[in-house]
Amino acid sequence: FEDIRRIREAHSIIINNLEKDFPSLKKFALQLGTNEFKLKYGF
């Protein structure tokens, strides 16, 4: 459930920052408190 919550947060952050230069998936995953593999797979 914690993984799913973080993926939903990722979804919300992306939608609210479309105009920004998006960071690498590794940096984005660290911000969410997960790893790149779980972010990619879970999304």
PDB file of all heavy atoms in Angstrom:
ATOM      1  N   PHE A   1       0.838  -1.201   0.000  1.00  0.00           N
ATOM      2  CA  PHE A   1       0.000   0.000   0.000  1.00  0.00           C
ATOM      3  C   PHE A   1       0.872   1.249   0.000  1.00  0.00           C
ATOM      4  O   PHE A   1       0.524   2.263  -0.614  1.00  0.00           O
ATOM      5  CB  PHE A   1      -0.923   0.006   1.226  1.00  0.00           C
ATOM      6  CG  PHE A   1      -2.231  -0.676   0.969  1.00  0.00           C
ATOM      7  CD1 PHE A   1      -2.345  -2.043   1.112  1.00  0.00           C
ATOM      8  CD2 PHE A   1      -3.349   0.030   0.556  1.00  0.00           C
ATOM      9  CE1 PHE A   1      -3.547  -2.694   0.868  1.00  0.00           C
ATOM     10  CE2 PHE A   1      -4.549  -0.605   0.302  1.00  0.00           C
ATOM     11  CZ  PHE A   1      -4.649  -1.968   0.459  1.00  0.00           C
ATOM     12  N   GLU A   2       2.015   1.182   0.685  1.00  0.00           N
ATOM     13  CA  GLU A   2       2.929   2.320   0.714  1.00  0.00           C
ATOM     14  C   GLU A   2       3.519   2.566  -0.673  1.00  0.00           C
ATOM     15  O   GLU A   2       3.662   3.713  -1.100  1.00  0.00           O
ATOM     16  CB  GLU A   2       4.050   2.065   1.724  1.00  0.00           C
ATOM     17  CG  GLU A   2       4.991   3.238   1.942  1.00  0.00           C
ATOM     18  CD  GLU A   2       4.298   4.448   2.544  1.00  0.00           C
ATOM     19  OE1 GLU A   2       3.213   4.293   3.145  1.00  0.00           O
ATOM     20  OE2 GLU A   2       4.854   5.559   2.410  1.00  0.00           O
ATOM     21  N   ASP A   3       3.841   1.497  -1.398  1.00  0.00           N
ATOM     22  CA  ASP A   3       4.346   1.634  -2.769  1.00  0.00           C
ATOM     23  C   ASP A   3       3.309   2.313  -3.655  1.00  0.00           C
ATOM     24  O   ASP A   3       3.617   3.218  -4.428  1.00  0.00           O
ATOM     25  CB  ASP A   3       4.695   0.256  -3.357  1.00  0.00           C
ATOM     26  CG  ASP A   3       5.886  -0.387  -2.682  1.00  0.00           C
ATOM     27  OD1 ASP A   3       6.773   0.349  -2.215  1.00  0.00           O
ATOM     28  OD2 ASP A   3       5.923  -1.630  -2.618  1.00  0.00           O
ATOM     29  N   ILE A   4       2.052   1.861  -3.534  1.00  0.00           N
ATOM     30  CA  ILE A   4       0.968   2.422  -4.347  1.00  0.00           C
ATOM     31  C   ILE A   4       0.756   3.901  -4.022  1.00  0.00           C
ATOM     32  O   ILE A   4       0.537   4.722  -4.909  1.00  0.00           O
ATOM     33  CB  ILE A   4      -0.329   1.622  -4.129  1.00  0.00           C
ATOM     34  CG1 ILE A   4      -0.157   0.192  -4.681  1.00  0.00           C
ATOM     35  CG2 ILE A   4      -1.517   2.299  -4.802  1.00  0.00           C
ATOM     36  CD1 ILE A   4      -1.293  -0.740  -4.355  1.00  0.00           C
ATOM     37  N   ARG A   5       0.841   4.251  -2.735  1.00  0.00           N
ATOM     38  CA  ARG A   5       0.682   5.651  -2.323  1.00  0.00           C
ATOM     39  C   ARG A   5       1.764   6.520  -2.960  1.00  0.00           C
ATOM     40  O   ARG A   5       1.494   7.621  -3.459  1.00  0.00           O
ATOM     41  CB  ARG A   5       0.759   5.764  -0.804  1.00  0.00           C
ATOM     42  CG  ARG A   5       0.529   7.178  -0.281  1.00  0.00           C
ATOM     43  CD  ARG A   5       0.776   7.265   1.207  1.00  0.00           C
ATOM     44  NE  ARG A   5       2.167   7.028   1.534  1.00  0.00           N
ATOM     45  CZ  ARG A   5       3.127   7.936   1.397  1.00  0.00           C
ATOM     46  NH1 ARG A   5       2.848   9.145   0.913  1.00  0.00           N
ATOM     47  NH2 ARG A   5       4.372   7.664   1.723  1.00  0.00           N
ATOM     48  N   ARG A   6       2.987   6.009  -2.989  1.00  0.00           N
ATOM     49  CA  ARG A   6       4.086   6.781  -3.577  1.00  0.00           C
ATOM     50  C   ARG A   6       3.932   6.936  -5.087  1.00  0.00           C
ATOM     51  O   ARG A   6       4.264   7.983  -5.643  1.00  0.00           O
ATOM     52  CB  ARG A   6       5.417   6.097  -3.244  1.00  0.00           C
ATOM     53  CG  ARG A   6       5.837   6.298  -1.795  1.00  0.00           C
ATOM     54  CD  ARG A   6       6.995   5.424  -1.417  1.00  0.00           C
ATOM     55  NE  ARG A   6       7.428   5.690  -0.040  1.00  0.00           N
ATOM     56  CZ  ARG A   6       8.122   4.846   0.696  1.00  0.00           C
ATOM     57  NH1 ARG A   6       8.454   3.662   0.205  1.00  0.00           N
ATOM     58  NH2 ARG A   6       8.482   5.160   1.924  1.00  0.00           N
ATOM     59  N   ILE A   7       3.440   5.887  -5.739  1.00  0.00           N
ATOM     60  CA  ILE A   7       3.218   5.973  -7.183  1.00  0.00           C
ATOM     61  C   ILE A   7       2.140   7.005  -7.484  1.00  0.00           C
ATOM     62  O   ILE A   7       2.236   7.776  -8.446  1.00  0.00           O
ATOM     63  CB  ILE A   7       2.811   4.593  -7.753  1.00  0.00           C
ATOM     64  CG1 ILE A   7       3.914   3.551  -7.510  1.00  0.00           C
ATOM     65  CG2 ILE A   7       2.518   4.704  -9.251  1.00  0.00           C
ATOM     66  CD1 ILE A   7       5.247   3.890  -8.084  1.00  0.00           C
ATOM     67  N   ARG A   8       1.101   7.063  -6.649  1.00  0.00           N
ATOM     68  CA  ARG A   8       0.050   8.074  -6.831  1.00  0.00           C
ATOM     69  C   ARG A   8       0.602   9.476  -6.616  1.00  0.00           C
ATOM     70  O   ARG A   8       0.209  10.425  -7.298  1.00  0.00           O
ATOM     71  CB  ARG A   8      -1.101   7.795  -5.869  1.00  0.00           C
ATOM     72  CG  ARG A   8      -1.972   6.606  -6.297  1.00  0.00           C
ATOM     73  CD  ARG A   8      -3.005   6.283  -5.252  1.00  0.00           C
ATOM     74  NE  ARG A   8      -3.897   5.227  -5.697  1.00  0.00           N
ATOM     75  CZ  ARG A   8      -4.701   4.543  -4.882  1.00  0.00           C
ATOM     76  NH1 ARG A   8      -4.724   4.827  -3.585  1.00  0.00           N
ATOM     77  NH2 ARG A   8      -5.486   3.606  -5.361  1.00  0.00           N
ATOM     78  N   GLU A   9       1.529   9.617  -5.653  1.00  0.00           N
ATOM     79  CA  GLU A   9       2.162  10.918  -5.438  1.00  0.00           C
ATOM     80  C   GLU A   9       2.975  11.306  -6.662  1.00  0.00           C
ATOM     81  O   GLU A   9       2.991  12.476  -7.062  1.00  0.00           O
ATOM     82  CB  GLU A   9       3.065  10.864  -4.198  1.00  0.00           C
ATOM     83  CG  GLU A   9       2.298  10.865  -2.884  1.00  0.00           C
ATOM     84  CD  GLU A   9       3.206  10.743  -1.675  1.00  0.00           C
ATOM     85  OE1 GLU A   9       4.417  10.474  -1.865  1.00  0.00           O
ATOM     86  OE2 GLU A   9       2.714  10.897  -0.548  1.00  0.00           O
ATOM     87  N   ALA A  10       3.650  10.325  -7.278  1.00  0.00           N
ATOM     88  CA  ALA A  10       4.423  10.578  -8.497  1.00  0.00           C
ATOM     89  C   ALA A  10       3.505  11.090  -9.601  1.00  0.00           C
ATOM     90  O   ALA A  10       3.824  12.059 -10.301  1.00  0.00           O
ATOM     91  CB  ALA A  10       5.131   9.298  -8.944  1.00  0.00           C
ATOM     92  N   HIS A  11       2.354  10.450  -9.733  1.00  0.00           N
ATOM     93  CA  HIS A  11       1.363  10.844 -10.737  1.00  0.00           C
ATOM     94  C   HIS A  11       0.929  12.291 -10.529  1.00  0.00           C
ATOM     95  O   HIS A  11       0.855  13.084 -11.482  1.00  0.00           O
ATOM     96  CB  HIS A  11       0.164   9.896 -10.631  1.00  0.00           C
ATOM     97  CG  HIS A  11      -0.931  10.148 -11.612  1.00  0.00           C
ATOM     98  ND1 HIS A  11      -1.958  11.045 -11.353  1.00  0.00           N
ATOM     99  CD2 HIS A  11      -1.174   9.642 -12.855  1.00  0.00           C
ATOM    100  CE1 HIS A  11      -2.778  11.061 -12.395  1.00  0.00           C
ATOM    101  NE2 HIS A  11      -2.332  10.227 -13.319  1.00  0.00           N
ATOM    102  N   SER A  12       0.654  12.666  -9.283  1.00  0.00           N
ATOM    103  CA  SER A  12       0.218  14.023  -8.959  1.00  0.00           C
ATOM    104  C   SER A  12       1.312  15.044  -9.224  1.00  0.00           C
ATOM    105  O   SER A  12       1.056  16.125  -9.775  1.00  0.00           O
ATOM    106  CB  SER A  12      -0.220  14.084  -7.491  1.00  0.00           C
ATOM    107  OG  SER A  12      -0.572  15.394  -7.115  1.00  0.00           O
ATOM    108  N   ILE A  13       2.553  14.720  -8.848  1.00  0.00           N
ATOM    109  CA  ILE A  13       3.669  15.646  -9.044  1.00  0.00           C
ATOM    110  C   ILE A  13       3.917  15.884 -10.526  1.00  0.00           C
ATOM    111  O   ILE A  13       4.174  17.004 -10.959  1.00  0.00           O
ATOM    112  CB  ILE A  13       4.940  15.105  -8.350  1.00  0.00           C
ATOM    113  CG1 ILE A  13       4.772  15.191  -6.819  1.00  0.00           C
ATOM    114  CG2 ILE A  13       6.173  15.886  -8.775  1.00  0.00           C
ATOM    115  CD1 ILE A  13       5.892  14.540  -6.035  1.00  0.00           C
ATOM    116  N   ILE A  14       3.830  14.832 -11.335  1.00  0.00           N
ATOM    117  CA  ILE A  14       4.035  14.977 -12.783  1.00  0.00           C
ATOM    118  C   ILE A  14       2.999  15.926 -13.375  1.00  0.00           C
ATOM    119  O   ILE A  14       3.334  16.853 -14.119  1.00  0.00           O
ATOM    120  CB  ILE A  14       3.963  13.597 -13.475  1.00  0.00           C
ATOM    121  CG1 ILE A  14       5.188  12.750 -13.106  1.00  0.00           C
ATOM    122  CG2 ILE A  14       3.895  13.763 -14.997  1.00  0.00           C
ATOM    123  CD1 ILE A  14       5.095  11.313 -13.569  1.00  0.00           C
ATOM    124  N   ILE A  15       1.734  15.709 -13.048  1.00  0.00           N
ATOM    125  CA  ILE A  15       0.649  16.531 -13.602  1.00  0.00           C
ATOM    126  C   ILE A  15       0.813  18.003 -13.221  1.00  0.00           C
ATOM    127  O   ILE A  15       0.522  18.893 -14.012  1.00  0.00           O
ATOM    128  CB  ILE A  15      -0.718  15.994 -13.118  1.00  0.00           C
ATOM    129  CG1 ILE A  15      -1.037  14.661 -13.821  1.00  0.00           C
ATOM    130  CG2 ILE A  15      -1.833  16.995 -13.408  1.00  0.00           C
ATOM    131  CD1 ILE A  15      -2.309  14.010 -13.358  1.00  0.00           C
ATOM    132  N   ASN A  16       1.311  18.254 -12.023  1.00  0.00           N
ATOM    133  CA  ASN A  16       1.440  19.629 -11.542  1.00  0.00           C
ATOM    134  C   ASN A  16       2.753  20.304 -11.931  1.00  0.00           C
ATOM    135  O   ASN A  16       2.984  21.458 -11.564  1.00  0.00           O
ATOM    136  CB  ASN A  16       1.291  19.660 -10.018  1.00  0.00           C
ATOM    137  CG  ASN A  16      -0.131  19.439  -9.575  1.00  0.00           C
ATOM    138  OD1 ASN A  16      -1.021  20.196  -9.924  1.00  0.00           O
ATOM    139  ND2 ASN A  16      -0.384  18.379  -8.827  1.00  0.00           N
ATOM    140  N   ASN A  17       3.618  19.599 -12.642  1.00  0.00           N
ATOM    141  CA  ASN A  17       4.916  20.172 -13.015  1.00  0.00           C
ATOM    142  C   ASN A  17       5.263  19.896 -14.473  1.00  0.00           C
ATOM    143  O   ASN A  17       6.418  19.645 -14.810  1.00  0.00           O
ATOM    144  CB  ASN A  17       6.018  19.617 -12.102  1.00  0.00           C
ATOM    145  CG  ASN A  17       5.878  20.077 -10.675  1.00  0.00           C
ATOM    146  OD1 ASN A  17       6.327  21.163 -10.315  1.00  0.00           O
ATOM    147  ND2 ASN A  17       5.250  19.259  -9.842  1.00  0.00           N
ATOM    148  N   LEU A  18       4.266  19.953 -15.346  1.00  0.00           N
ATOM    149  CA  LEU A  18       4.488  19.650 -16.763  1.00  0.00           C
ATOM    150  C   LEU A  18       5.461  20.625 -17.422  1.00  0.00           C
ATOM    151  O   LEU A  18       6.132  20.274 -18.387  1.00  0.00           O
ATOM    152  CB  LEU A  18       3.153  19.665 -17.514  1.00  0.00           C
ATOM    153  CG  LEU A  18       2.123  18.611 -17.111  1.00  0.00           C
ATOM    154  CD1 LEU A  18       0.825  18.820 -17.865  1.00  0.00           C
ATOM    155  CD2 LEU A  18       2.656  17.198 -17.368  1.00  0.00           C
ATOM    156  N   GLU A  19       5.512  21.854 -16.924  1.00  0.00           N
ATOM    157  CA  GLU A  19       6.366  22.867 -17.556  1.00  0.00           C
ATOM    158  C   GLU A  19       7.828  22.750 -17.150  1.00  0.00           C
ATOM    159  O   GLU A  19       8.701  23.388 -17.742  1.00  0.00           O
ATOM    160  CB  GLU A  19       5.848  24.271 -17.208  1.00  0.00           C
ATOM    161  CG  GLU A  19       6.152  24.762 -15.809  1.00  0.00           C
ATOM    162  CD  GLU A  19       5.270  24.143 -14.721  1.00  0.00           C
ATOM    163  OE1 GLU A  19       4.442  23.260 -15.043  1.00  0.00           O
ATOM    164  OE2 GLU A  19       5.402  24.550 -13.554  1.00  0.00           O
ATOM    165  N   LYS A  20       8.123  21.923 -16.164  1.00  0.00           N
ATOM    166  CA  LYS A  20       9.480  21.812 -15.627  1.00  0.00           C
ATOM    167  C   LYS A  20      10.328  20.814 -16.412  1.00  0.00           C
ATOM    168  O   LYS A  20       9.811  19.901 -17.055  1.00  0.00           O
ATOM    169  CB  LYS A  20       9.432  21.369 -14.157  1.00  0.00           C
ATOM    170  CG  LYS A  20       8.627  22.279 -13.249  1.00  0.00           C
ATOM    171  CD  LYS A  20       9.322  23.609 -13.038  1.00  0.00           C
ATOM    172  CE  LYS A  20       8.555  24.474 -12.043  1.00  0.00           C
ATOM    173  NZ  LYS A  20       9.203  25.777 -11.847  1.00  0.00           N
ATOM    174  N   ASP A  21      11.660  21.010 -16.350  1.00  0.00           N
ATOM    175  CA  ASP A  21      12.578  19.992 -16.844  1.00  0.00           C
ATOM    176  C   ASP A  21      12.534  18.834 -15.868  1.00  0.00           C
ATOM    177  O   ASP A  21      12.892  18.986 -14.691  1.00  0.00           O
ATOM    178  CB  ASP A  21      14.007  20.548 -16.930  1.00  0.00           C
ATOM    179  CG  ASP A  21      14.172  21.517 -18.087  1.00  0.00           C
ATOM    180  OD1 ASP A  21      13.415  21.385 -19.063  1.00  0.00           O
ATOM    181  OD2 ASP A  21      15.041  22.401 -18.011  1.00  0.00           O
ATOM    182  N   PHE A  22      12.095  17.680 -16.330  1.00  0.00           N
ATOM    183  CA  PHE A  22      11.871  16.566 -15.420  1.00  0.00           C
ATOM    184  C   PHE A  22      13.198  15.919 -15.028  1.00  0.00           C
ATOM    185  O   PHE A  22      14.073  15.731 -15.884  1.00  0.00           O
ATOM    186  CB  PHE A  22      10.960  15.529 -16.089  1.00  0.00           C
ATOM    187  CG  PHE A  22      10.218  14.682 -15.115  1.00  0.00           C
ATOM    188  CD1 PHE A  22       9.186  15.219 -14.365  1.00  0.00           C
ATOM    189  CD2 PHE A  22      10.554  13.354 -14.916  1.00  0.00           C
ATOM    190  CE1 PHE A  22       8.503  14.451 -13.449  1.00  0.00           C
ATOM    191  CE2 PHE A  22       9.886  12.574 -14.010  1.00  0.00           C
ATOM    192  CZ  PHE A  22       8.856  13.132 -13.277  1.00  0.00           C
ATOM    193  N   PRO A  23      13.370  15.589 -13.741  1.00  0.00           N
ATOM    194  CA  PRO A  23      14.631  14.958 -13.312  1.00  0.00           C
ATOM    195  C   PRO A  23      14.726  13.519 -13.812  1.00  0.00           C
ATOM    196  O   PRO A  23      13.775  12.971 -14.362  1.00  0.00           O
ATOM    197  CB  PRO A  23      14.516  15.005 -11.778  1.00  0.00           C
ATOM    198  CG  PRO A  23      13.050  14.994 -11.510  1.00  0.00           C
ATOM    199  CD  PRO A  23      12.427  15.766 -12.639  1.00  0.00           C
ATOM    200  N   SER A  24      15.871  12.919 -13.594  1.00  0.00           N
ATOM    201  CA  SER A  24      16.033  11.513 -13.958  1.00  0.00           C
ATOM    202  C   SER A  24      15.122  10.662 -13.078  1.00  0.00           C
ATOM    203  O   SER A  24      14.729  11.078 -11.980  1.00  0.00           O
ATOM    204  CB  SER A  24      17.490  11.082 -13.761  1.00  0.00           C
ATOM    205  OG  SER A  24      17.829  11.102 -12.382  1.00  0.00           O
ATOM    206  N   LEU A  25      14.790   9.474 -13.550  1.00  0.00           N
ATOM    207  CA  LEU A  25      13.915   8.586 -12.775  1.00  0.00           C
ATOM    208  C   LEU A  25      14.557   8.227 -11.441  1.00  0.00           C
ATOM    209  O   LEU A  25      13.863   8.042 -10.442  1.00  0.00           O
ATOM    210  CB  LEU A  25      13.614   7.321 -13.572  1.00  0.00           C
ATOM    211  CG  LEU A  25      12.656   7.487 -14.752  1.00  0.00           C
ATOM    212  CD1 LEU A  25      12.415   6.146 -15.427  1.00  0.00           C
ATOM    213  CD2 LEU A  25      11.323   8.084 -14.308  1.00  0.00           C
ATOM    214  N   LYS A  26      15.871   8.123 -11.414  1.00  0.00           N
ATOM    215  CA  LYS A  26      16.566   7.786 -10.169  1.00  0.00           C
ATOM    216  C   LYS A  26      16.372   8.884  -9.127  1.00  0.00           C
ATOM    217  O   LYS A  26      16.040   8.608  -7.968  1.00  0.00           O
ATOM    218  CB  LYS A  26      18.054   7.582 -10.437  1.00  0.00           C
ATOM    219  CG  LYS A  26      18.838   7.113  -9.226  1.00  0.00           C
ATOM    220  CD  LYS A  26      20.300   6.843  -9.580  1.00  0.00           C
ATOM    221  CE  LYS A  26      21.069   6.352  -8.345  1.00  0.00           C
ATOM    222  NZ  LYS A  26      22.487   6.095  -8.671  1.00  0.00           N
ATOM    223  N   LYS A  27      16.553  10.152  -9.534  1.00  0.00           N
ATOM    224  CA  LYS A  27      16.367  11.279  -8.612  1.00  0.00           C
ATOM    225  C   LYS A  27      14.907  11.398  -8.183  1.00  0.00           C
ATOM    226  O   LYS A  27      14.608  11.669  -7.016  1.00  0.00           O
ATOM    227  CB  LYS A  27      16.827  12.579  -9.274  1.00  0.00           C
ATOM    228  CG  LYS A  27      18.331  12.723  -9.374  1.00  0.00           C
ATOM    229  CD  LYS A  27      18.699  14.091  -9.935  1.00  0.00           C
ATOM    230  CE  LYS A  27      20.207  14.263  -9.987  1.00  0.00           C
ATOM    231  NZ  LYS A  27      20.594  15.592 -10.547  1.00  0.00           N
ATOM    232  N   PHE A  28      14.006  11.207  -9.132  1.00  0.00           N
ATOM    233  CA  PHE A  28      12.576  11.304  -8.839  1.00  0.00           C
ATOM    234  C   PHE A  28      12.163  10.220  -7.846  1.00  0.00           C
ATOM    235  O   PHE A  28      11.389  10.466  -6.915  1.00  0.00           O
ATOM    236  CB  PHE A  28      11.784  11.192 -10.132  1.00  0.00           C
ATOM    237  CG  PHE A  28      10.325  11.511  -9.995  1.00  0.00           C
ATOM    238  CD1 PHE A  28       9.890  12.544  -9.180  1.00  0.00           C
ATOM    239  CD2 PHE A  28       9.367  10.778 -10.685  1.00  0.00           C
ATOM    240  CE1 PHE A  28       8.535  12.848  -9.052  1.00  0.00           C
ATOM    241  CE2 PHE A  28       8.018  11.063 -10.570  1.00  0.00           C
ATOM    242  CZ  PHE A  28       7.611  12.107  -9.749  1.00  0.00           C
ATOM    243  N   ALA A  29      12.685   9.014  -8.041  1.00  0.00           N
ATOM    244  CA  ALA A  29      12.372   7.902  -7.135  1.00  0.00           C
ATOM    245  C   ALA A  29      12.886   8.186  -5.732  1.00  0.00           C
ATOM    246  O   ALA A  29      12.208   7.900  -4.732  1.00  0.00           O
ATOM    247  CB  ALA A  29      12.973   6.605  -7.673  1.00  0.00           C
ATOM    248  N   LEU A  30      14.081   8.777  -5.626  1.00  0.00           N
ATOM    249  CA  LEU A  30      14.648   9.119  -4.312  1.00  0.00           C
ATOM    250  C   LEU A  30      13.780  10.145  -3.596  1.00  0.00           C
ATOM    251  O   LEU A  30      13.580  10.062  -2.378  1.00  0.00           O
ATOM    252  CB  LEU A  30      16.071   9.657  -4.476  1.00  0.00           C
ATOM    253  CG  LEU A  30      17.159   8.629  -4.796  1.00  0.00           C
ATOM    254  CD1 LEU A  30      18.484   9.317  -5.069  1.00  0.00           C
ATOM    255  CD2 LEU A  30      17.313   7.631  -3.643  1.00  0.00           C
ATOM    256  N   GLN A  31      13.259  11.121  -4.347  1.00  0.00           N
ATOM    257  CA  GLN A  31      12.368  12.120  -3.745  1.00  0.00           C
ATOM    258  C   GLN A  31      11.123  11.460  -3.175  1.00  0.00           C
ATOM    259  O   GLN A  31      10.626  11.848  -2.116  1.00  0.00           O
ATOM    260  CB  GLN A  31      11.962  13.165  -4.777  1.00  0.00           C
ATOM    261  CG  GLN A  31      10.947  14.169  -4.236  1.00  0.00           C
ATOM    262  CD  GLN A  31      10.507  15.197  -5.260  1.00  0.00           C
ATOM    263  OE1 GLN A  31      11.293  15.610  -6.104  1.00  0.00           O
ATOM    264  NE2 GLN A  31       9.261  15.639  -5.188  1.00  0.00           N
ATOM    265  N   LEU A  32      10.626  10.445  -3.862  1.00  0.00           N
ATOM    266  CA  LEU A  32       9.405   9.758  -3.429  1.00  0.00           C
ATOM    267  C   LEU A  32       9.668   8.763  -2.303  1.00  0.00           C
ATOM    268  O   LEU A  32       8.731   8.270  -1.688  1.00  0.00           O
ATOM    269  CB  LEU A  32       8.777   9.024  -4.611  1.00  0.00           C
ATOM    270  CG  LEU A  32       8.264   9.914  -5.759  1.00  0.00           C
ATOM    271  CD1 LEU A  32       8.009   9.069  -6.996  1.00  0.00           C
ATOM    272  CD2 LEU A  32       7.002  10.642  -5.354  1.00  0.00           C
ATOM    273  N   GLY A  33      10.947   8.446  -2.071  1.00  0.00           N
ATOM    274  CA  GLY A  33      11.277   7.484  -1.022  1.00  0.00           C
ATOM    275  C   GLY A  33      11.218   6.046  -1.497  1.00  0.00           C
ATOM    276  O   GLY A  33      10.981   5.136  -0.710  1.00  0.00           O
ATOM    277  N   THR A  34      11.453   5.825  -2.791  1.00  0.00           N
ATOM    278  CA  THR A  34      11.447   4.468  -3.338  1.00  0.00           C
ATOM    279  C   THR A  34      12.651   4.316  -4.253  1.00  0.00           C
ATOM    280  O   THR A  34      13.545   5.169  -4.270  1.00  0.00           O
ATOM    281  CB  THR A  34      10.117   4.183  -4.083  1.00  0.00           C
ATOM    282  OG1 THR A  34      10.090   2.825  -4.498  1.00  0.00           O
ATOM    283  CG2 THR A  34       9.927   5.098  -5.269  1.00  0.00           C
ATOM    284  N   ASN A  35      12.700   3.251  -5.034  1.00  0.00           N
ATOM    285  CA  ASN A  35      13.810   3.086  -5.977  1.00  0.00           C
ATOM    286  C   ASN A  35      13.293   3.137  -7.414  1.00  0.00           C
ATOM    287  O   ASN A  35      12.092   3.066  -7.664  1.00  0.00           O
ATOM    288  CB  ASN A  35      14.560   1.777  -5.714  1.00  0.00           C
ATOM    289  CG  ASN A  35      13.657   0.556  -5.804  1.00  0.00           C
ATOM    290  OD1 ASN A  35      13.034   0.312  -6.834  1.00  0.00           O
ATOM    291  ND2 ASN A  35      13.570  -0.208  -4.726  1.00  0.00           N
ATOM    292  N   GLU A  36      14.228   3.261  -8.350  1.00  0.00           N
ATOM    293  CA  GLU A  36      13.867   3.447  -9.758  1.00  0.00           C
ATOM    294  C   GLU A  36      13.068   2.267 -10.301  1.00  0.00           C
ATOM    295  O   GLU A  36      12.104   2.453 -11.058  1.00  0.00           O
ATOM    296  CB  GLU A  36      15.132   3.639 -10.595  1.00  0.00           C
ATOM    297  CG  GLU A  36      14.880   3.953 -12.047  1.00  0.00           C
ATOM    298  CD  GLU A  36      16.158   4.174 -12.836  1.00  0.00           C
ATOM    299  OE1 GLU A  36      17.232   4.271 -12.203  1.00  0.00           O
ATOM    300  OE2 GLU A  36      16.094   4.248 -14.075  1.00  0.00           O
ATOM    301  N   PHE A  37      13.430   1.057  -9.895  1.00  0.00           N
ATOM    302  CA  PHE A  37      12.747  -0.124 -10.409  1.00  0.00           C
ATOM    303  C   PHE A  37      11.282  -0.144  -9.984  1.00  0.00           C
ATOM    304  O   PHE A  37      10.387  -0.367 -10.802  1.00  0.00           O
ATOM    305  CB  PHE A  37      13.447  -1.394  -9.933  1.00  0.00           C
ATOM    306  CG  PHE A  37      12.756  -2.658 -10.368  1.00  0.00           C
ATOM    307  CD1 PHE A  37      12.838  -3.104 -11.677  1.00  0.00           C
ATOM    308  CD2 PHE A  37      11.994  -3.392  -9.464  1.00  0.00           C
ATOM    309  CE1 PHE A  37      12.182  -4.258 -12.094  1.00  0.00           C
ATOM    310  CE2 PHE A  37      11.342  -4.553  -9.855  1.00  0.00           C
ATOM    311  CZ  PHE A  37      11.442  -4.986 -11.178  1.00  0.00           C
ATOM    312  N   LYS A  38      11.028   0.101  -8.692  1.00  0.00           N
ATOM    313  CA  LYS A  38       9.644   0.095  -8.204  1.00  0.00           C
ATOM    314  C   LYS A  38       8.828   1.219  -8.827  1.00  0.00           C
ATOM    315  O   LYS A  38       7.635   1.051  -9.096  1.00  0.00           O
ATOM    316  CB  LYS A  38       9.624   0.214  -6.676  1.00  0.00           C
ATOM    317  CG  LYS A  38       9.811  -1.105  -5.957  1.00  0.00           C
ATOM    318  CD  LYS A  38       9.481  -0.974  -4.494  1.00  0.00           C
ATOM    319  CE  LYS A  38       9.570  -2.328  -3.789  1.00  0.00           C
ATOM    320  NZ  LYS A  38       9.230  -2.227  -2.358  1.00  0.00           N
ATOM    321  N   LEU A  39       9.470   2.365  -9.043  1.00  0.00           N
ATOM    322  CA  LEU A  39       8.763   3.485  -9.671  1.00  0.00           C
ATOM    323  C   LEU A  39       8.332   3.116 -11.082  1.00  0.00           C
ATOM    324  O   LEU A  39       7.174   3.306 -11.465  1.00  0.00           O
ATOM    325  CB  LEU A  39       9.667   4.716  -9.698  1.00  0.00           C
ATOM    326  CG  LEU A  39       9.148   5.931 -10.495  1.00  0.00           C
ATOM    327  CD1 LEU A  39       7.837   6.433  -9.918  1.00  0.00           C
ATOM    328  CD2 LEU A  39      10.191   7.045 -10.503  1.00  0.00           C
ATOM    329  N   LYS A  40       9.243   2.565 -11.866  1.00  0.00           N
ATOM    330  CA  LYS A  40       8.945   2.200 -13.251  1.00  0.00           C
ATOM    331  C   LYS A  40       7.902   1.087 -13.318  1.00  0.00           C
ATOM    332  O   LYS A  40       6.928   1.164 -14.067  1.00  0.00           O
ATOM    333  CB  LYS A  40      10.226   1.772 -13.970  1.00  0.00           C
ATOM    334  CG  LYS A  40      11.190   2.925 -14.209  1.00  0.00           C
ATOM    335  CD  LYS A  40      12.594   2.465 -14.521  1.00  0.00           C
ATOM    336  CE  LYS A  40      12.693   1.774 -15.856  1.00  0.00           C
ATOM    337  NZ  LYS A  40      14.104   1.441 -16.184  1.00  0.00           N
ATOM    338  N   TYR A  41       8.112   0.047 -12.493  1.00  0.00           N
ATOM    339  CA  TYR A  41       7.198  -1.092 -12.507  1.00  0.00           C
ATOM    340  C   TYR A  41       5.815  -0.700 -11.986  1.00  0.00           C
ATOM    341  O   TYR A  41       4.783  -1.019 -12.590  1.00  0.00           O
ATOM    342  CB  TYR A  41       7.772  -2.219 -11.657  1.00  0.00           C
ATOM    343  CG  TYR A  41       6.865  -3.418 -11.545  1.00  0.00           C
ATOM    344  CD1 TYR A  41       6.864  -4.416 -12.520  1.00  0.00           C
ATOM    345  CD2 TYR A  41       5.988  -3.546 -10.468  1.00  0.00           C
ATOM    346  CE1 TYR A  41       6.022  -5.510 -12.425  1.00  0.00           C
ATOM    347  CE2 TYR A  41       5.136  -4.637 -10.369  1.00  0.00           C
ATOM    348  CZ  TYR A  41       5.161  -5.616 -11.344  1.00  0.00           C
ATOM    349  OH  TYR A  41       4.312  -6.694 -11.246  1.00  0.00           O
ATOM    350  N   GLY A  42       5.807   0.002 -10.838  1.00  0.00           N
ATOM    351  CA  GLY A  42       4.532   0.374 -10.213  1.00  0.00           C
ATOM    352  C   GLY A  42       3.723   1.323 -11.069  1.00  0.00           C
ATOM    353  O   GLY A  42       2.497   1.204 -11.158  1.00  0.00           O
ATOM    354  N   PHE A  43       4.397   2.276 -11.721  1.00  0.00           N
ATOM    355  CA  PHE A  43       3.676   3.231 -12.570  1.00  0.00           C
ATOM    356  C   PHE A  43       3.031   2.514 -13.741  1.00  0.00           C
ATOM    357  O   PHE A  43       1.889   2.806 -14.109  1.00  0.00           O
ATOM    358  CB  PHE A  43       4.641   4.312 -13.063  1.00  0.00           C
ATOM    359  CG  PHE A  43       3.967   5.599 -13.450  1.00  0.00           C
ATOM    360  CD1 PHE A  43       3.831   6.626 -12.534  1.00  0.00           C
ATOM    361  CD2 PHE A  43       3.446   5.775 -14.720  1.00  0.00           C
ATOM    362  CE1 PHE A  43       3.200   7.813 -12.877  1.00  0.00           C
ATOM    363  CE2 PHE A  43       2.809   6.950 -15.082  1.00  0.00           C
ATOM    364  CZ  PHE A  43       2.687   7.969 -14.152  1.00  0.00           C
TER     365      PHE A  43
END
